[in-house]
Amino acid sequence: MAKENSGRAQKPLPKYDRVILADIRRTRRGKHHDLLGGIFQDLDSLPEGSAIKIPLNKVDGTTLANLRSAVHRASTARGTAIETLSDEENFYIWKTSSK
């Protein structure tokens, strides 16, 4: 006796949950997120002609190159024009006018 088959192949059940794209946060929360949050909070309230001075020994082992890179990525994402400068002990950040 032949098996009855409706002619349709059954789709396997999905292995993973599905979500709506609109419900997903599209920004990444990197390891410098909390540090950058504090920096940009201070930067937003910074008077013109002033800079933020960040002691390099207070950034939890983050290298100057990684800090500078993270700050520039965040400023680009926020649309904030900044400049940076550093010396042996400190990292300085200030807002500039957009080009």
N, C-alpha and C. Protein backbone atom coordinates (compact mmCIF):
# COMPACT_ATOMS: atom_id res chain seq x y z
N MET A 1 0.84 -1.16 0.00
CA MET A 1 0.00 0.00 0.00
C MET A 1 0.89 1.24 0.00
N ALA A 2 0.59 2.21 -0.81
CA ALA A 2 1.39 3.43 -0.95
C ALA A 2 0.99 4.43 0.13
N LYS A 3 2.01 5.20 0.57
CA LYS A 3 1.74 6.25 1.55
C LYS A 3 1.01 7.40 0.88
N GLU A 4 0.12 7.99 1.63
CA GLU A 4 -0.57 9.15 1.08
C GLU A 4 0.31 10.38 1.27
N ASN A 5 0.53 11.10 0.22
CA ASN A 5 1.37 12.29 0.27
C ASN A 5 0.64 13.39 -0.49
N SER A 6 0.54 14.53 0.11
CA SER A 6 -0.19 15.61 -0.53
C SER A 6 0.64 16.27 -1.62
N GLY A 7 1.87 15.83 -1.81
CA GLY A 7 2.70 16.42 -2.85
C GLY A 7 3.50 17.63 -2.38
N ARG A 8 3.31 18.03 -1.15
CA ARG A 8 4.03 19.19 -0.61
C ARG A 8 5.13 18.71 0.33
N ALA A 9 6.28 19.30 0.18
CA ALA A 9 7.36 19.01 1.12
C ALA A 9 7.17 19.88 2.35
N GLN A 10 7.31 19.31 3.51
CA GLN A 10 7.14 20.10 4.73
C GLN A 10 8.40 20.90 4.99
N LYS A 11 8.23 22.15 5.35
CA LYS A 11 9.36 23.01 5.70
C LYS A 11 9.79 22.69 7.11
N PRO A 12 11.09 22.61 7.32
CA PRO A 12 11.54 22.35 8.69
C PRO A 12 11.25 23.55 9.58
N LEU A 13 11.05 23.30 10.84
CA LEU A 13 10.82 24.38 11.79
C LEU A 13 12.10 25.18 11.97
N PRO A 14 12.00 26.50 12.13
CA PRO A 14 13.22 27.30 12.34
C PRO A 14 13.89 26.92 13.66
N LYS A 15 15.21 26.98 13.66
CA LYS A 15 15.98 26.65 14.85
C LYS A 15 16.14 27.84 15.78
N TYR A 16 16.02 29.04 15.24
CA TYR A 16 16.27 30.25 16.00
C TYR A 16 15.04 31.16 15.97
N ASP A 17 14.94 32.00 16.99
CA ASP A 17 13.84 32.96 17.05
C ASP A 17 13.98 34.00 15.95
N ARG A 18 12.89 34.55 15.57
CA ARG A 18 12.88 35.61 14.55
C ARG A 18 12.39 36.89 15.19
N VAL A 19 12.96 38.01 14.74
CA VAL A 19 12.57 39.32 15.26
C VAL A 19 12.36 40.28 14.11
N ILE A 20 11.63 41.31 14.38
CA ILE A 20 11.40 42.37 13.40
C ILE A 20 12.61 43.30 13.41
N LEU A 21 13.12 43.65 12.24
CA LEU A 21 14.31 44.50 12.15
C LEU A 21 14.12 45.84 12.85
N ALA A 22 12.93 46.37 12.81
CA ALA A 22 12.68 47.66 13.44
C ALA A 22 12.88 47.61 14.96
N ASP A 23 12.81 46.41 15.53
CA ASP A 23 12.97 46.25 16.98
C ASP A 23 14.42 46.09 17.42
N ILE A 24 15.34 46.04 16.48
CA ILE A 24 16.74 45.80 16.80
C ILE A 24 17.48 47.13 16.87
N ARG A 25 18.25 47.29 17.95
CA ARG A 25 19.10 48.48 18.07
C ARG A 25 20.22 48.35 17.05
N ARG A 26 20.45 49.36 16.25
CA ARG A 26 21.41 49.27 15.16
C ARG A 26 22.80 49.78 15.52
N THR A 27 23.01 50.22 16.73
CA THR A 27 24.32 50.71 17.13
C THR A 27 25.00 49.66 17.99
N ARG A 28 26.30 49.69 17.98
CA ARG A 28 27.03 48.70 18.77
C ARG A 28 27.39 49.30 20.11
N ARG A 29 27.46 48.48 21.10
CA ARG A 29 27.86 48.91 22.44
C ARG A 29 29.23 48.30 22.69
N GLY A 30 30.24 49.03 22.28
CA GLY A 30 31.61 48.54 22.39
C GLY A 30 32.14 48.64 23.81
N LYS A 31 33.36 48.19 23.98
CA LYS A 31 33.94 48.16 25.32
C LYS A 31 34.24 49.55 25.87
N HIS A 32 34.26 50.57 25.01
CA HIS A 32 34.52 51.93 25.47
C HIS A 32 33.24 52.74 25.65
N HIS A 33 32.09 52.07 25.59
CA HIS A 33 30.80 52.76 25.61
C HIS A 33 30.63 53.68 26.83
N ASP A 34 30.90 53.16 28.01
CA ASP A 34 30.70 53.96 29.23
C ASP A 34 31.69 55.12 29.29
N LEU A 35 32.93 54.88 28.90
CA LEU A 35 33.94 55.93 28.89
C LEU A 35 33.54 57.04 27.92
N LEU A 36 33.12 56.65 26.72
CA LEU A 36 32.73 57.65 25.72
C LEU A 36 31.46 58.40 26.10
N GLY A 37 30.56 57.72 26.79
CA GLY A 37 29.35 58.39 27.26
C GLY A 37 29.68 59.55 28.17
N GLY A 38 30.61 59.33 29.09
CA GLY A 38 31.03 60.40 29.99
C GLY A 38 31.76 61.52 29.27
N ILE A 39 32.60 61.13 28.31
CA ILE A 39 33.36 62.13 27.55
C ILE A 39 32.41 63.04 26.77
N PHE A 40 31.45 62.43 26.07
CA PHE A 40 30.55 63.25 25.24
C PHE A 40 29.52 64.00 26.07
N GLN A 41 29.22 63.53 27.24
CA GLN A 41 28.36 64.30 28.14
C GLN A 41 29.08 65.59 28.54
N ASP A 42 30.36 65.47 28.89
CA ASP A 42 31.15 66.65 29.22
C ASP A 42 31.35 67.54 27.99
N LEU A 43 31.57 66.92 26.85
CA LEU A 43 31.81 67.69 25.62
C LEU A 43 30.59 68.50 25.22
N ASP A 44 29.41 67.95 25.44
CA ASP A 44 28.17 68.66 25.09
C ASP A 44 27.98 69.92 25.92
N SER A 45 28.50 69.94 27.13
CA SER A 45 28.34 71.11 27.99
C SER A 45 29.60 71.97 28.04
N LEU A 46 30.56 71.68 27.19
CA LEU A 46 31.83 72.38 27.19
C LEU A 46 31.69 73.78 26.59
N PRO A 47 32.16 74.81 27.31
CA PRO A 47 32.10 76.16 26.75
C PRO A 47 33.07 76.29 25.57
N GLU A 48 32.72 77.15 24.64
CA GLU A 48 33.59 77.40 23.48
C GLU A 48 34.94 77.91 23.96
N GLY A 49 36.00 77.46 23.32
CA GLY A 49 37.34 77.88 23.70
C GLY A 49 37.95 77.03 24.81
N SER A 50 37.27 75.95 25.21
CA SER A 50 37.77 75.06 26.26
C SER A 50 37.95 73.66 25.71
N ALA A 51 38.73 72.87 26.42
CA ALA A 51 38.95 71.47 26.05
C ALA A 51 38.75 70.60 27.27
N ILE A 52 38.44 69.34 27.03
CA ILE A 52 38.37 68.35 28.09
C ILE A 52 39.76 67.75 28.24
N LYS A 53 40.22 67.61 29.46
CA LYS A 53 41.53 67.02 29.74
C LYS A 53 41.28 65.67 30.41
N ILE A 54 41.70 64.60 29.74
CA ILE A 54 41.50 63.24 30.26
C ILE A 54 42.86 62.66 30.62
N PRO A 55 43.11 62.42 31.90
CA PRO A 55 44.38 61.79 32.29
C PRO A 55 44.45 60.36 31.73
N LEU A 56 45.52 60.03 31.05
CA LEU A 56 45.64 58.71 30.43
C LEU A 56 45.72 57.59 31.45
N ASN A 57 46.12 57.89 32.67
CA ASN A 57 46.17 56.84 33.70
C ASN A 57 44.81 56.57 34.31
N LYS A 58 43.76 57.26 33.86
CA LYS A 58 42.40 57.08 34.39
C LYS A 58 41.46 56.41 33.39
N VAL A 59 41.99 55.86 32.30
CA VAL A 59 41.13 55.27 31.27
C VAL A 59 41.23 53.74 31.26
N ASP A 60 41.47 53.16 32.41
CA ASP A 60 41.43 51.70 32.60
C ASP A 60 42.26 50.92 31.59
N GLY A 61 43.47 51.36 31.34
CA GLY A 61 44.38 50.61 30.47
C GLY A 61 44.14 50.77 28.99
N THR A 62 43.21 51.61 28.59
CA THR A 62 42.98 51.85 27.18
C THR A 62 44.16 52.64 26.62
N THR A 63 44.70 52.18 25.50
CA THR A 63 45.83 52.88 24.91
C THR A 63 45.39 54.19 24.29
N LEU A 64 46.32 55.08 24.12
CA LEU A 64 46.01 56.37 23.50
C LEU A 64 45.45 56.18 22.10
N ALA A 65 46.04 55.28 21.33
CA ALA A 65 45.57 55.05 19.96
C ALA A 65 44.13 54.53 19.95
N ASN A 66 43.81 53.61 20.84
CA ASN A 66 42.44 53.08 20.91
C ASN A 66 41.45 54.13 21.40
N LEU A 67 41.87 54.94 22.35
CA LEU A 67 41.00 56.01 22.86
C LEU A 67 40.72 57.03 21.77
N ARG A 68 41.77 57.45 21.09
CA ARG A 68 41.60 58.44 20.01
C ARG A 68 40.69 57.88 18.92
N SER A 69 40.90 56.64 18.56
CA SER A 69 40.08 56.02 17.53
C SER A 69 38.62 55.93 17.95
N ALA A 70 38.37 55.50 19.17
CA ALA A 70 37.00 55.39 19.68
C ALA A 70 36.31 56.75 19.73
N VAL A 71 37.03 57.77 20.16
CA VAL A 71 36.47 59.12 20.25
C VAL A 71 36.11 59.64 18.86
N HIS A 72 36.98 59.42 17.89
CA HIS A 72 36.70 59.90 16.53
C HIS A 72 35.54 59.13 15.89
N ARG A 73 35.46 57.82 16.13
CA ARG A 73 34.31 57.06 15.61
C ARG A 73 33.00 57.57 16.21
N ALA A 74 33.00 57.81 17.52
CA ALA A 74 31.79 58.29 18.19
C ALA A 74 31.42 59.69 17.74
N SER A 75 32.41 60.55 17.54
CA SER A 75 32.10 61.92 17.12
C SER A 75 31.53 61.93 15.71
N THR A 76 32.03 61.06 14.86
CA THR A 76 31.50 60.95 13.50
C THR A 76 30.06 60.46 13.54
N ALA A 77 29.80 59.46 14.35
CA ALA A 77 28.45 58.92 14.47
C ALA A 77 27.47 59.95 15.02
N ARG A 78 27.94 60.82 15.91
CA ARG A 78 27.09 61.85 16.51
C ARG A 78 27.01 63.11 15.66
N GLY A 79 27.87 63.22 14.66
CA GLY A 79 27.90 64.42 13.83
C GLY A 79 28.53 65.61 14.55
N THR A 80 29.43 65.34 15.48
CA THR A 80 30.11 66.38 16.25
C THR A 80 31.54 66.53 15.73
N ALA A 81 31.89 67.72 15.30
CA ALA A 81 33.25 67.97 14.82
C ALA A 81 34.15 68.22 16.03
N ILE A 82 35.23 67.45 16.13
CA ILE A 82 36.15 67.59 17.25
C ILE A 82 37.58 67.62 16.76
N GLU A 83 38.45 68.02 17.64
CA GLU A 83 39.89 67.87 17.45
C GLU A 83 40.45 67.30 18.73
N THR A 84 41.58 66.62 18.60
CA THR A 84 42.23 66.01 19.76
C THR A 84 43.70 66.36 19.76
N LEU A 85 44.27 66.26 20.93
CA LEU A 85 45.70 66.48 21.12
C LEU A 85 46.09 65.67 22.34
N SER A 86 47.33 65.24 22.40
CA SER A 86 47.76 64.49 23.58
C SER A 86 49.20 64.85 23.91
N ASP A 87 49.54 64.61 25.16
CA ASP A 87 50.92 64.71 25.61
C ASP A 87 51.23 63.42 26.36
N GLU A 88 52.27 63.40 27.12
CA GLU A 88 52.68 62.18 27.82
C GLU A 88 51.65 61.70 28.84
N GLU A 89 50.90 62.62 29.42
CA GLU A 89 50.02 62.26 30.53
C GLU A 89 48.53 62.45 30.26
N ASN A 90 48.17 63.26 29.29
CA ASN A 90 46.77 63.64 29.09
C ASN A 90 46.35 63.56 27.63
N PHE A 91 45.04 63.41 27.46
CA PHE A 91 44.40 63.43 26.15
C PHE A 91 43.39 64.58 26.19
N TYR A 92 43.45 65.45 25.20
CA TYR A 92 42.60 66.65 25.19
C TYR A 92 41.62 66.54 24.00
N ILE A 93 40.38 66.95 24.24
CA ILE A 93 39.34 66.93 23.19
C ILE A 93 38.58 68.24 23.26
N TRP A 94 38.30 68.82 22.10
CA TRP A 94 37.45 70.00 22.06
C TRP A 94 36.65 70.01 20.77
N LYS A 95 35.53 70.74 20.84
CA LYS A 95 34.65 70.87 19.66
C LYS A 95 35.20 71.92 18.73
N THR A 96 34.99 71.68 17.43
CA THR A 96 35.34 72.67 16.40
C THR A 96 34.10 72.96 15.59
N SER A 97 34.17 73.99 14.80
CA SER A 97 33.03 74.27 13.92
C SER A 97 33.06 73.28 12.76
N SER A 98 31.90 72.88 12.30
CA SER A 98 31.81 71.93 11.19
C SER A 98 32.41 72.54 9.94
N LYS A 99 33.03 71.70 9.15
CA LYS A 99 33.68 72.18 7.91
C LYS A 99 32.73 72.23 6.77
